[in-house]
Amino acid sequence: MAGGALLLAGLAIAGAPPFVVFLSEFSIFRAGLDQGQYFVTGLLAVFVTIAFFGILLHINRMVFGTPDDNFTKLSGLPVSCVLVLVSSAALIVFLGFDLPEPVHALLRLAASGS
């Protein structure tokens, strides 16, 4: 359960679809291409790709790697940990698909610098 949550969170942070980070990166790429900034957009694509694979390399080792010799296996997660993981994942998925209008207005205000 914790490994799956770590993998899901790593994908969200790294910017995999359908999470919000991917949508913002895609919007930036599209705006850069629309403005004719091909070189800068290409550099951004290279750096985003490097960051994506760099994050997922470490996540992959933690989730799918072999444990150390001094690893002690737990019988299961406590209920409180499961509740926190599930509620956090639900909030992340919800905000990834639907951003409430008050939060969107607050982000617009922060982006405008006013």
PDB file of N, CA and C in Angstrom:
ATOM      1  N   MET A   1       0.826  -1.197   0.000  1.00  0.00           N
ATOM      2  CA  MET A   1       0.000   0.000   0.000  1.00  0.00           C
ATOM      3  C   MET A   1       0.867   1.256   0.000  1.00  0.00           C
ATOM      4  N   ALA A   2       1.865   1.277   0.882  1.00  0.00           N
ATOM      5  CA  ALA A   2       2.726   2.453   0.962  1.00  0.00           C
ATOM      6  C   ALA A   2       3.557   2.589  -0.313  1.00  0.00           C
ATOM      7  N   GLY A   3       3.981   1.467  -0.889  1.00  0.00           N
ATOM      8  CA  GLY A   3       4.744   1.520  -2.135  1.00  0.00           C
ATOM      9  C   GLY A   3       3.917   2.060  -3.283  1.00  0.00           C
ATOM     10  N   GLY A   4       2.658   1.643  -3.347  1.00  0.00           N
ATOM     11  CA  GLY A   4       1.763   2.158  -4.379  1.00  0.00           C
ATOM     12  C   GLY A   4       1.503   3.649  -4.220  1.00  0.00           C
ATOM     13  N   ALA A   5       1.345   4.075  -2.972  1.00  0.00           N
ATOM     14  CA  ALA A   5       1.143   5.503  -2.719  1.00  0.00           C
ATOM     15  C   ALA A   5       2.389   6.297  -3.084  1.00  0.00           C
ATOM     16  N   LEU A   6       3.560   5.747  -2.771  1.00  0.00           N
ATOM     17  CA  LEU A   6       4.809   6.423  -3.136  1.00  0.00           C
ATOM     18  C   LEU A   6       4.946   6.520  -4.648  1.00  0.00           C
ATOM     19  N   LEU A   7       4.607   5.460  -5.352  1.00  0.00           N
ATOM     20  CA  LEU A   7       4.678   5.482  -6.814  1.00  0.00           C
ATOM     21  C   LEU A   7       3.703   6.498  -7.402  1.00  0.00           C
ATOM     22  N   LEU A   8       2.481   6.525  -6.886  1.00  0.00           N
ATOM     23  CA  LEU A   8       1.482   7.487  -7.362  1.00  0.00           C
ATOM     24  C   LEU A   8       1.935   8.919  -7.099  1.00  0.00           C
ATOM     25  N   ALA A   9       2.457   9.166  -5.905  1.00  0.00           N
ATOM     26  CA  ALA A   9       2.939  10.511  -5.569  1.00  0.00           C
ATOM     27  C   ALA A   9       4.138  10.895  -6.423  1.00  0.00           C
ATOM     28  N   GLY A  10       5.034   9.947  -6.678  1.00  0.00           N
ATOM     29  CA  GLY A  10       6.188  10.231  -7.527  1.00  0.00           C
ATOM     30  C   GLY A  10       5.780  10.581  -8.947  1.00  0.00           C
ATOM     31  N   LEU A  11       4.803   9.855  -9.477  1.00  0.00           N
ATOM     32  CA  LEU A  11       4.301  10.173 -10.816  1.00  0.00           C
ATOM     33  C   LEU A  11       3.649  11.546 -10.852  1.00  0.00           C
ATOM     34  N   ALA A  12       2.920  11.890  -9.791  1.00  0.00           N
ATOM     35  CA  ALA A  12       2.269  13.204  -9.737  1.00  0.00           C
ATOM     36  C   ALA A  12       3.308  14.314  -9.668  1.00  0.00           C
ATOM     37  N   ILE A  13       4.317  14.146  -8.833  1.00  0.00           N
ATOM     38  CA  ILE A  13       5.354  15.172  -8.690  1.00  0.00           C
ATOM     39  C   ILE A  13       6.190  15.295  -9.953  1.00  0.00           C
ATOM     40  N   ALA A  14       6.460  14.156 -10.591  1.00  0.00           N
ATOM     41  CA  ALA A  14       7.286  14.176 -11.794  1.00  0.00           C
ATOM     42  C   ALA A  14       6.556  14.764 -12.999  1.00  0.00           C
ATOM     43  N   GLY A  15       5.248  14.794 -12.962  1.00  0.00           N
ATOM     44  CA  GLY A  15       4.499  15.417 -14.052  1.00  0.00           C
ATOM     45  C   GLY A  15       3.953  14.441 -15.068  1.00  0.00           C
ATOM     46  N   ALA A  16       3.540  13.277 -14.617  1.00  0.00           N
ATOM     47  CA  ALA A  16       2.940  12.305 -15.531  1.00  0.00           C
ATOM     48  C   ALA A  16       1.463  12.644 -15.731  1.00  0.00           C
ATOM     49  N   PRO A  17       0.917  12.329 -16.910  1.00  0.00           N
ATOM     50  CA  PRO A  17      -0.505  12.568 -17.105  1.00  0.00           C
ATOM     51  C   PRO A  17      -1.305  11.669 -16.179  1.00  0.00           C
ATOM     52  N   PRO A  18      -2.436  12.041 -15.711  1.00  0.00           N
ATOM     53  CA  PRO A  18      -3.286  13.200 -15.916  1.00  0.00           C
ATOM     54  C   PRO A  18      -3.150  14.235 -14.800  1.00  0.00           C
ATOM     55  N   PHE A  19      -2.041  14.243 -14.111  1.00  0.00           N
ATOM     56  CA  PHE A  19      -1.897  15.125 -12.956  1.00  0.00           C
ATOM     57  C   PHE A  19      -1.679  16.576 -13.385  1.00  0.00           C
ATOM     58  N   VAL A  20      -1.918  17.491 -12.447  1.00  0.00           N
ATOM     59  CA  VAL A  20      -1.911  18.924 -12.731  1.00  0.00           C
ATOM     60  C   VAL A  20      -0.544  19.406 -13.207  1.00  0.00           C
ATOM     61  N   VAL A  21       0.524  18.835 -12.690  1.00  0.00           N
ATOM     62  CA  VAL A  21       1.863  19.259 -13.111  1.00  0.00           C
ATOM     63  C   VAL A  21       2.042  19.012 -14.603  1.00  0.00           C
ATOM     64  N   PHE A  22       1.538  17.892 -15.105  1.00  0.00           N
ATOM     65  CA  PHE A  22       1.618  17.616 -16.536  1.00  0.00           C
ATOM     66  C   PHE A  22       0.851  18.654 -17.334  1.00  0.00           C
ATOM     67  N   LEU A  23      -0.341  18.990 -16.859  1.00  0.00           N
ATOM     68  CA  LEU A  23      -1.152  19.974 -17.576  1.00  0.00           C
ATOM     69  C   LEU A  23      -0.468  21.334 -17.613  1.00  0.00           C
ATOM     70  N   SER A  24       0.169  21.730 -16.518  1.00  0.00           N
ATOM     71  CA  SER A  24       0.857  23.024 -16.518  1.00  0.00           C
ATOM     72  C   SER A  24       2.081  22.981 -17.427  1.00  0.00           C
ATOM     73  N   GLU A  25       2.828  21.882 -17.396  1.00  0.00           N
ATOM     74  CA  GLU A  25       3.981  21.768 -18.295  1.00  0.00           C
ATOM     75  C   GLU A  25       3.532  21.800 -19.758  1.00  0.00           C
ATOM     76  N   PHE A  26       2.468  21.088 -20.058  1.00  0.00           N
ATOM     77  CA  PHE A  26       1.957  21.065 -21.427  1.00  0.00           C
ATOM     78  C   PHE A  26       1.518  22.457 -21.868  1.00  0.00           C
ATOM     79  N   SER A  27       0.877  23.199 -20.968  1.00  0.00           N
ATOM     80  CA  SER A  27       0.459  24.568 -21.286  1.00  0.00           C
ATOM     81  C   SER A  27       1.664  25.465 -21.556  1.00  0.00           C
ATOM     82  N   ILE A  28       2.710  25.292 -20.769  1.00  0.00           N
ATOM     83  CA  ILE A  28       3.928  26.087 -20.984  1.00  0.00           C
ATOM     84  C   ILE A  28       4.563  25.729 -22.322  1.00  0.00           C
ATOM     85  N   PHE A  29       4.630  24.436 -22.637  1.00  0.00           N
ATOM     86  CA  PHE A  29       5.187  24.023 -23.933  1.00  0.00           C
ATOM     87  C   PHE A  29       4.380  24.602 -25.090  1.00  0.00           C
ATOM     88  N   ARG A  30       3.059  24.499 -24.987  1.00  0.00           N
ATOM     89  CA  ARG A  30       2.192  25.007 -26.049  1.00  0.00           C
ATOM     90  C   ARG A  30       2.346  26.518 -26.222  1.00  0.00           C
ATOM     91  N   ALA A  31       2.421  27.243 -25.100  1.00  0.00           N
ATOM     92  CA  ALA A  31       2.592  28.695 -25.181  1.00  0.00           C
ATOM     93  C   ALA A  31       3.946  29.051 -25.784  1.00  0.00           C
ATOM     94  N   GLY A  32       4.972  28.308 -25.427  1.00  0.00           N
ATOM     95  CA  GLY A  32       6.294  28.563 -25.996  1.00  0.00           C
ATOM     96  C   GLY A  32       6.331  28.325 -27.492  1.00  0.00           C
ATOM     97  N   LEU A  33       5.673  27.263 -27.942  1.00  0.00           N
ATOM     98  CA  LEU A  33       5.625  26.988 -29.379  1.00  0.00           C
ATOM     99  C   LEU A  33       4.765  28.015 -30.106  1.00  0.00           C
ATOM    100  N   ASP A  34       3.662  28.444 -29.485  1.00  0.00           N
ATOM    101  CA  ASP A  34       2.811  29.471 -30.100  1.00  0.00           C
ATOM    102  C   ASP A  34       3.547  30.800 -30.235  1.00  0.00           C
ATOM    103  N   GLN A  35       4.433  31.108 -29.297  1.00  0.00           N
ATOM    104  CA  GLN A  35       5.199  32.352 -29.320  1.00  0.00           C
ATOM    105  C   GLN A  35       6.422  32.266 -30.244  1.00  0.00           C
ATOM    106  N   GLY A  36       6.698  31.073 -30.763  1.00  0.00           N
ATOM    107  CA  GLY A  36       7.850  30.910 -31.647  1.00  0.00           C
ATOM    108  C   GLY A  36       9.175  30.752 -30.904  1.00  0.00           C
ATOM    109  N   GLN A  37       9.120  30.447 -29.636  1.00  0.00           N
ATOM    110  CA  GLN A  37      10.326  30.260 -28.829  1.00  0.00           C
ATOM    111  C   GLN A  37      10.751  28.788 -28.877  1.00  0.00           C
ATOM    112  N   TYR A  38      11.187  28.331 -30.043  1.00  0.00           N
ATOM    113  CA  TYR A  38      11.463  26.914 -30.250  1.00  0.00           C
ATOM    114  C   TYR A  38      12.693  26.447 -29.478  1.00  0.00           C
ATOM    115  N   PHE A  39      13.740  27.251 -29.454  1.00  0.00           N
ATOM    116  CA  PHE A  39      14.961  26.853 -28.769  1.00  0.00           C
ATOM    117  C   PHE A  39      14.728  26.739 -27.262  1.00  0.00           C
ATOM    118  N   VAL A  40      14.102  27.740 -26.685  1.00  0.00           N
ATOM    119  CA  VAL A  40      13.845  27.745 -25.248  1.00  0.00           C
ATOM    120  C   VAL A  40      12.871  26.621 -24.880  1.00  0.00           C
ATOM    121  N   THR A  41      11.865  26.413 -25.695  1.00  0.00           N
ATOM    122  CA  THR A  41      10.909  25.344 -25.441  1.00  0.00           C
ATOM    123  C   THR A  41      11.586  23.981 -25.553  1.00  0.00           C
ATOM    124  N   GLY A  42      12.477  23.833 -26.499  1.00  0.00           N
ATOM    125  CA  GLY A  42      13.241  22.591 -26.626  1.00  0.00           C
ATOM    126  C   GLY A  42      14.126  22.344 -25.412  1.00  0.00           C
ATOM    127  N   LEU A  43      14.788  23.398 -24.931  1.00  0.00           N
ATOM    128  CA  LEU A  43      15.600  23.256 -23.719  1.00  0.00           C
ATOM    129  C   LEU A  43      14.730  22.873 -22.526  1.00  0.00           C
ATOM    130  N   LEU A  44      13.582  23.512 -22.419  1.00  0.00           N
ATOM    131  CA  LEU A  44      12.664  23.186 -21.338  1.00  0.00           C
ATOM    132  C   LEU A  44      12.228  21.725 -21.421  1.00  0.00           C
ATOM    133  N   ALA A  45      11.925  21.247 -22.612  1.00  0.00           N
ATOM    134  CA  ALA A  45      11.525  19.848 -22.786  1.00  0.00           C
ATOM    135  C   ALA A  45      12.642  18.901 -22.367  1.00  0.00           C
ATOM    136  N   VAL A  46      13.886  19.233 -22.720  1.00  0.00           N
ATOM    137  CA  VAL A  46      15.020  18.393 -22.327  1.00  0.00           C
ATOM    138  C   VAL A  46      15.168  18.368 -20.808  1.00  0.00           C
ATOM    139  N   PHE A  47      15.092  19.523 -20.171  1.00  0.00           N
ATOM    140  CA  PHE A  47      15.279  19.585 -18.724  1.00  0.00           C
ATOM    141  C   PHE A  47      14.120  18.935 -17.968  1.00  0.00           C
ATOM    142  N   VAL A  48      12.910  19.090 -18.469  1.00  0.00           N
ATOM    143  CA  VAL A  48      11.765  18.436 -17.838  1.00  0.00           C
ATOM    144  C   VAL A  48      11.894  16.918 -17.968  1.00  0.00           C
ATOM    145  N   THR A  49      12.361  16.445 -19.109  1.00  0.00           N
ATOM    146  CA  THR A  49      12.569  15.010 -19.307  1.00  0.00           C
ATOM    147  C   THR A  49      13.637  14.478 -18.365  1.00  0.00           C
ATOM    148  N   ILE A  50      14.732  15.201 -18.216  1.00  0.00           N
ATOM    149  CA  ILE A  50      15.792  14.788 -17.297  1.00  0.00           C
ATOM    150  C   ILE A  50      15.261  14.733 -15.861  1.00  0.00           C
ATOM    151  N   ALA A  51      14.520  15.747 -15.459  1.00  0.00           N
ATOM    152  CA  ALA A  51      13.957  15.776 -14.105  1.00  0.00           C
ATOM    153  C   ALA A  51      12.968  14.627 -13.902  1.00  0.00           C
ATOM    154  N   PHE A  52      12.129  14.362 -14.903  1.00  0.00           N
ATOM    155  CA  PHE A  52      11.143  13.285 -14.813  1.00  0.00           C
ATOM    156  C   PHE A  52      11.829  11.945 -14.581  1.00  0.00           C
ATOM    157  N   PHE A  53      12.817  11.643 -15.412  1.00  0.00           N
ATOM    158  CA  PHE A  53      13.500  10.366 -15.270  1.00  0.00           C
ATOM    159  C   PHE A  53      14.371  10.307 -14.021  1.00  0.00           C
ATOM    160  N   GLY A  54      14.910  11.438 -13.597  1.00  0.00           N
ATOM    161  CA  GLY A  54      15.688  11.470 -12.367  1.00  0.00           C
ATOM    162  C   GLY A  54      14.836  11.170 -11.148  1.00  0.00           C
ATOM    163  N   ILE A  55      13.649  11.743 -11.107  1.00  0.00           N
ATOM    164  CA  ILE A  55      12.737  11.471  -9.985  1.00  0.00           C
ATOM    165  C   ILE A  55      12.285  10.022 -10.014  1.00  0.00           C
ATOM    166  N   LEU A  56      11.860   9.559 -11.171  1.00  0.00           N
ATOM    167  CA  LEU A  56      11.322   8.203 -11.251  1.00  0.00           C
ATOM    168  C   LEU A  56      12.392   7.126 -11.100  1.00  0.00           C
ATOM    169  N   LEU A  57      13.645   7.439 -11.370  1.00  0.00           N
ATOM    170  CA  LEU A  57      14.724   6.483 -11.139  1.00  0.00           C
ATOM    171  C   LEU A  57      14.800   6.129  -9.652  1.00  0.00           C
ATOM    172  N   HIS A  58      14.762   7.147  -8.812  1.00  0.00           N
ATOM    173  CA  HIS A  58      14.839   6.904  -7.376  1.00  0.00           C
ATOM    174  C   HIS A  58      13.558   6.279  -6.838  1.00  0.00           C
ATOM    175  N   ILE A  59      12.415   6.729  -7.327  1.00  0.00           N
ATOM    176  CA  ILE A  59      11.144   6.138  -6.904  1.00  0.00           C
ATOM    177  C   ILE A  59      11.102   4.663  -7.299  1.00  0.00           C
ATOM    178  N   ASN A  60      11.553   4.362  -8.502  1.00  0.00           N
ATOM    179  CA  ASN A  60      11.571   2.989  -8.987  1.00  0.00           C
ATOM    180  C   ASN A  60      12.433   2.101  -8.098  1.00  0.00           C
ATOM    181  N   ARG A  61      13.594   2.591  -7.698  1.00  0.00           N
ATOM    182  CA  ARG A  61      14.466   1.805  -6.820  1.00  0.00           C
ATOM    183  C   ARG A  61      13.832   1.562  -5.462  1.00  0.00           C
ATOM    184  N   MET A  62      13.116   2.574  -4.947  1.00  0.00           N
ATOM    185  CA  MET A  62      12.492   2.409  -3.632  1.00  0.00           C
ATOM    186  C   MET A  62      11.287   1.470  -3.685  1.00  0.00           C
ATOM    187  N   VAL A  63      10.507   1.546  -4.756  1.00  0.00           N
ATOM    188  CA  VAL A  63       9.287   0.751  -4.827  1.00  0.00           C
ATOM    189  C   VAL A  63       9.566  -0.673  -5.300  1.00  0.00           C
ATOM    190  N   PHE A  64      10.398  -0.831  -6.325  1.00  0.00           N
ATOM    191  CA  PHE A  64      10.600  -2.143  -6.937  1.00  0.00           C
ATOM    192  C   PHE A  64      11.956  -2.777  -6.632  1.00  0.00           C
ATOM    193  N   GLY A  65      12.824  -2.074  -5.912  1.00  0.00           N
ATOM    194  CA  GLY A  65      14.159  -2.587  -5.631  1.00  0.00           C
ATOM    195  C   GLY A  65      14.154  -3.683  -4.578  1.00  0.00           C
ATOM    196  N   THR A  66      15.313  -4.300  -4.400  1.00  0.00           N
ATOM    197  CA  THR A  66      15.456  -5.331  -3.380  1.00  0.00           C
ATOM    198  C   THR A  66      15.819  -4.680  -2.054  1.00  0.00           C
ATOM    199  N   PRO A  67      15.273  -5.178  -0.962  1.00  0.00           N
ATOM    200  CA  PRO A  67      15.544  -4.574   0.343  1.00  0.00           C
ATOM    201  C   PRO A  67      16.971  -4.861   0.815  1.00  0.00           C
ATOM    202  N   ASP A  68      17.444  -4.015   1.734  1.00  0.00           N
ATOM    203  CA  ASP A  68      18.762  -4.208   2.333  1.00  0.00           C
ATOM    204  C   ASP A  68      18.766  -5.450   3.226  1.00  0.00           C
ATOM    205  N   ASP A  69      19.962  -5.840   3.671  1.00  0.00           N
ATOM    206  CA  ASP A  69      20.073  -7.000   4.547  1.00  0.00           C
ATOM    207  C   ASP A  69      19.442  -6.764   5.912  1.00  0.00           C
ATOM    208  N   ASN A  70      19.474  -5.529   6.405  1.00  0.00           N
ATOM    209  CA  ASN A  70      18.929  -5.241   7.730  1.00  0.00           C
ATOM    210  C   ASN A  70      17.451  -4.828   7.677  1.00  0.00           C
ATOM    211  N   PHE A  71      16.767  -5.193   6.604  1.00  0.00           N
ATOM    212  CA  PHE A  71      15.353  -4.861   6.421  1.00  0.00           C
ATOM    213  C   PHE A  71      14.491  -5.777   7.291  1.00  0.00           C
ATOM    214  N   THR A  72      13.566  -5.189   8.008  1.00  0.00           N
ATOM    215  CA  THR A  72      12.601  -5.973   8.779  1.00  0.00           C
ATOM    216  C   THR A  72      11.217  -5.742   8.196  1.00  0.00           C
ATOM    217  N   LYS A  73      10.569  -6.810   7.837  1.00  0.00           N
ATOM    218  CA  LYS A  73       9.261  -6.699   7.189  1.00  0.00           C
ATOM    219  C   LYS A  73       8.174  -6.433   8.226  1.00  0.00           C
ATOM    220  N   LEU A  74       7.335  -5.451   7.916  1.00  0.00           N
ATOM    221  CA  LEU A  74       6.195  -5.143   8.767  1.00  0.00           C
ATOM    222  C   LEU A  74       5.017  -6.018   8.361  1.00  0.00           C
ATOM    223  N   SER A  75       4.180  -6.325   9.321  1.00  0.00           N
ATOM    224  CA  SER A  75       3.024  -7.166   9.008  1.00  0.00           C
ATOM    225  C   SER A  75       1.943  -6.392   8.262  1.00  0.00           C
ATOM    226  N   GLY A  76       1.899  -5.093   8.440  1.00  0.00           N
ATOM    227  CA  GLY A  76       0.905  -4.271   7.754  1.00  0.00           C
ATOM    228  C   GLY A  76       0.963  -2.851   8.278  1.00  0.00           C
ATOM    229  N   LEU A  77       0.320  -1.976   7.577  1.00  0.00           N
ATOM    230  CA  LEU A  77       0.288  -0.582   8.010  1.00  0.00           C
ATOM    231  C   LEU A  77      -0.818  -0.375   9.037  1.00  0.00           C
ATOM    232  N   PRO A  78      -0.590   0.511  10.000  1.00  0.00           N
ATOM    233  CA  PRO A  78      -1.686   0.841  10.921  1.00  0.00           C
ATOM    234  C   PRO A  78      -2.828   1.527  10.169  1.00  0.00           C
ATOM    235  N   VAL A  79      -4.008   1.445  10.723  1.00  0.00           N
ATOM    236  CA  VAL A  79      -5.199   2.014  10.094  1.00  0.00           C
ATOM    237  C   VAL A  79      -5.036   3.519   9.888  1.00  0.00           C
ATOM    238  N   SER A  80      -4.386   4.201  10.833  1.00  0.00           N
ATOM    239  CA  SER A  80      -4.198   5.645  10.688  1.00  0.00           C
ATOM    240  C   SER A  80      -3.352   5.970   9.462  1.00  0.00           C
ATOM    241  N   CYS A  81      -2.331   5.169   9.179  1.00  0.00           N
ATOM    242  CA  CYS A  81      -1.500   5.406   7.985  1.00  0.00           C
ATOM    243  C   CYS A  81      -2.292   5.172   6.707  1.00  0.00           C
ATOM    244  N   VAL A  82      -3.106   4.128   6.706  1.00  0.00           N
ATOM    245  CA  VAL A  82      -3.926   3.832   5.522  1.00  0.00           C
ATOM    246  C   VAL A  82      -4.918   4.966   5.281  1.00  0.00           C
ATOM    247  N   LEU A  83      -5.533   5.470   6.344  1.00  0.00           N
ATOM    248  CA  LEU A  83      -6.488   6.577   6.188  1.00  0.00           C
ATOM    249  C   LEU A  83      -5.809   7.824   5.633  1.00  0.00           C
ATOM    250  N   VAL A  84      -4.602   8.135   6.117  1.00  0.00           N
ATOM    251  CA  VAL A  84      -3.880   9.301   5.617  1.00  0.00           C
ATOM    252  C   VAL A  84      -3.509   9.110   4.151  1.00  0.00           C
ATOM    253  N   LEU A  85      -3.028   7.932   3.774  1.00  0.00           N
ATOM    254  CA  LEU A  85      -2.657   7.669   2.384  1.00  0.00           C
ATOM    255  C   LEU A  85      -3.865   7.771   1.456  1.00  0.00           C
ATOM    256  N   VAL A  86      -4.970   7.175   1.854  1.00  0.00           N
ATOM    257  CA  VAL A  86      -6.165   7.178   1.003  1.00  0.00           C
ATOM    258  C   VAL A  86      -6.743   8.586   0.884  1.00  0.00           C
ATOM    259  N   SER A  87      -6.824   9.314   1.999  1.00  0.00           N
ATOM    260  CA  SER A  87      -7.387  10.664   1.927  1.00  0.00           C
ATOM    261  C   SER A  87      -6.482  11.605   1.133  1.00  0.00           C
ATOM    262  N   SER A  88      -5.176  11.475   1.278  1.00  0.00           N
ATOM    263  CA  SER A  88      -4.259  12.309   0.493  1.00  0.00           C
ATOM    264  C   SER A  88      -4.358  11.994  -0.991  1.00  0.00           C
ATOM    265  N   ALA A  89      -4.412  10.707  -1.313  1.00  0.00           N
ATOM    266  CA  ALA A  89      -4.527  10.319  -2.719  1.00  0.00           C
ATOM    267  C   ALA A  89      -5.843  10.807  -3.316  1.00  0.00           C
ATOM    268  N   ALA A  90      -6.915  10.709  -2.556  1.00  0.00           N
ATOM    269  CA  ALA A  90      -8.217  11.174  -3.051  1.00  0.00           C
ATOM    270  C   ALA A  90      -8.192  12.678  -3.301  1.00  0.00           C
ATOM    271  N   LEU A  91      -7.585  13.436  -2.403  1.00  0.00           N
ATOM    272  CA  LEU A  91      -7.490  14.880  -2.588  1.00  0.00           C
ATOM    273  C   LEU A  91      -6.643  15.228  -3.807  1.00  0.00           C
ATOM    274  N   ILE A  92      -5.527  14.529  -3.985  1.00  0.00           N
ATOM    275  CA  ILE A  92      -4.655  14.786  -5.136  1.00  0.00           C
ATOM    276  C   ILE A  92      -5.378  14.485  -6.441  1.00  0.00           C
ATOM    277  N   VAL A  93      -6.061  13.351  -6.483  1.00  0.00           N
ATOM    278  CA  VAL A  93      -6.790  12.986  -7.709  1.00  0.00           C
ATOM    279  C   VAL A  93      -7.916  13.983  -7.969  1.00  0.00           C
ATOM    280  N   PHE A  94      -8.660  14.373  -6.940  1.00  0.00           N
ATOM    281  CA  PHE A  94      -9.744  15.341  -7.112  1.00  0.00           C
ATOM    282  C   PHE A  94      -9.216  16.672  -7.632  1.00  0.00           C
ATOM    283  N   LEU A  95      -8.146  17.190  -7.017  1.00  0.00           N
ATOM    284  CA  LEU A  95      -7.599  18.466  -7.463  1.00  0.00           C
ATOM    285  C   LEU A  95      -6.935  18.349  -8.838  1.00  0.00           C
ATOM    286  N   GLY A  96      -6.546  17.142  -9.219  1.00  0.00           N
ATOM    287  CA  GLY A  96      -5.983  16.942 -10.549  1.00  0.00           C
ATOM    288  C   GLY A  96      -7.004  17.043 -11.654  1.00  0.00           C
ATOM    289  N   PHE A  97      -8.247  16.742 -11.336  1.00  0.00           N
ATOM    290  CA  PHE A  97      -9.293  16.772 -12.355  1.00  0.00           C
ATOM    291  C   PHE A  97     -10.213  17.975 -12.244  1.00  0.00           C
ATOM    292  N   ASP A  98     -10.382  18.498 -11.040  1.00  0.00           N
ATOM    293  CA  ASP A  98     -11.308  19.608 -10.858  1.00  0.00           C
ATOM    294  C   ASP A  98     -10.758  20.545  -9.790  1.00  0.00           C
ATOM    295  N   LEU A  99     -10.412  21.742 -10.196  1.00  0.00           N
ATOM    296  CA  LEU A  99      -9.906  22.737  -9.269  1.00  0.00           C
ATOM    297  C   LEU A  99     -11.065  23.651  -8.883  1.00  0.00           C
ATOM    298  N   PRO A 100     -11.414  23.703  -7.590  1.00  0.00           N
ATOM    299  CA  PRO A 100     -12.535  24.563  -7.176  1.00  0.00           C
ATOM    300  C   PRO A 100     -12.276  26.026  -7.536  1.00  0.00           C
ATOM    301  N   GLU A 101     -13.343  26.744  -7.836  1.00  0.00           N
ATOM    302  CA  GLU A 101     -13.229  28.133  -8.281  1.00  0.00           C
ATOM    303  C   GLU A 101     -12.532  29.038  -7.265  1.00  0.00           C
ATOM    304  N   PRO A 102     -12.780  28.922  -5.952  1.00  0.00           N
ATOM    305  CA  PRO A 102     -12.042  29.788  -5.011  1.00  0.00           C
ATOM    306  C   PRO A 102     -10.528  29.553  -5.048  1.00  0.00           C
ATOM    307  N   VAL A 103     -10.130  28.301  -5.202  1.00  0.00           N
ATOM    308  CA  VAL A 103      -8.694  28.001  -5.284  1.00  0.00           C
ATOM    309  C   VAL A 103      -8.135  28.547  -6.595  1.00  0.00           C
ATOM    310  N   HIS A 104      -8.887  28.399  -7.674  1.00  0.00           N
ATOM    311  CA  HIS A 104      -8.446  28.908  -8.975  1.00  0.00           C
ATOM    312  C   HIS A 104      -8.311  30.430  -8.940  1.00  0.00           C
ATOM    313  N   ALA A 105      -9.265  31.102  -8.317  1.00  0.00           N
ATOM    314  CA  ALA A 105      -9.185  32.564  -8.203  1.00  0.00           C
ATOM    315  C   ALA A 105      -7.983  32.984  -7.361  1.00  0.00           C
ATOM    316  N   LEU A 106      -7.705  32.248  -6.301  1.00  0.00           N
ATOM    317  CA  LEU A 106      -6.552  32.545  -5.470  1.00  0.00           C
ATOM    318  C   LEU A 106      -5.254  32.350  -6.235  1.00  0.00           C
ATOM    319  N   LEU A 107      -5.168  31.312  -7.038  1.00  0.00           N
ATOM    320  CA  LEU A 107      -3.970  31.080  -7.855  1.00  0.00           C
ATOM    321  C   LEU A 107      -3.811  32.153  -8.924  1.00  0.00           C
ATOM    322  N   ARG A 108      -4.920  32.576  -9.526  1.00  0.00           N
ATOM    323  CA  ARG A 108      -4.858  33.668 -10.505  1.00  0.00           C
ATOM    324  C   ARG A 108      -4.360  34.954  -9.867  1.00  0.00           C
ATOM    325  N   LEU A 109      -4.847  35.241  -8.674  1.00  0.00           N
ATOM    326  CA  LEU A 109      -4.410  36.439  -7.954  1.00  0.00           C
ATOM    327  C   LEU A 109      -2.932  36.356  -7.611  1.00  0.00           C
ATOM    328  N   ALA A 110      -2.458  35.203  -7.203  1.00  0.00           N
ATOM    329  CA  ALA A 110      -1.047  35.031  -6.883  1.00  0.00           C
ATOM    330  C   ALA A 110      -0.178  35.172  -8.136  1.00  0.00           C
ATOM    331  N   ALA A 111      -0.670  34.675  -9.266  1.00  0.00           N
ATOM    332  CA  ALA A 111       0.096  34.751 -10.495  1.00  0.00           C
ATOM    333  C   ALA A 111       0.144  36.170 -11.064  1.00  0.00           C
ATOM    334  N   SER A 112      -0.882  36.956 -10.788  1.00  0.00           N
ATOM    335  CA  SER A 112      -0.906  38.312 -11.333  1.00  0.00           C
ATOM    336  C   SER A 112       0.032  39.252 -10.588  1.00  0.00           C
ATOM    337  N   GLY A 113       0.415  38.869  -9.370  1.00  0.00           N
ATOM    338  CA  GLY A 113       1.342  39.701  -8.608  1.00  0.00           C
ATOM    339  C   GLY A 113       0.670  40.852  -7.893  1.00  0.00           C
ATOM    340  N   SER A 114      -0.633  40.885  -7.881  1.00  0.00           N
ATOM    341  CA  SER A 114      -1.362  41.982  -7.227  1.00  0.00           C
ATOM    342  C   SER A 114      -1.635  41.666  -5.784  1.00  0.00           C
TER     343      SER A 114
END
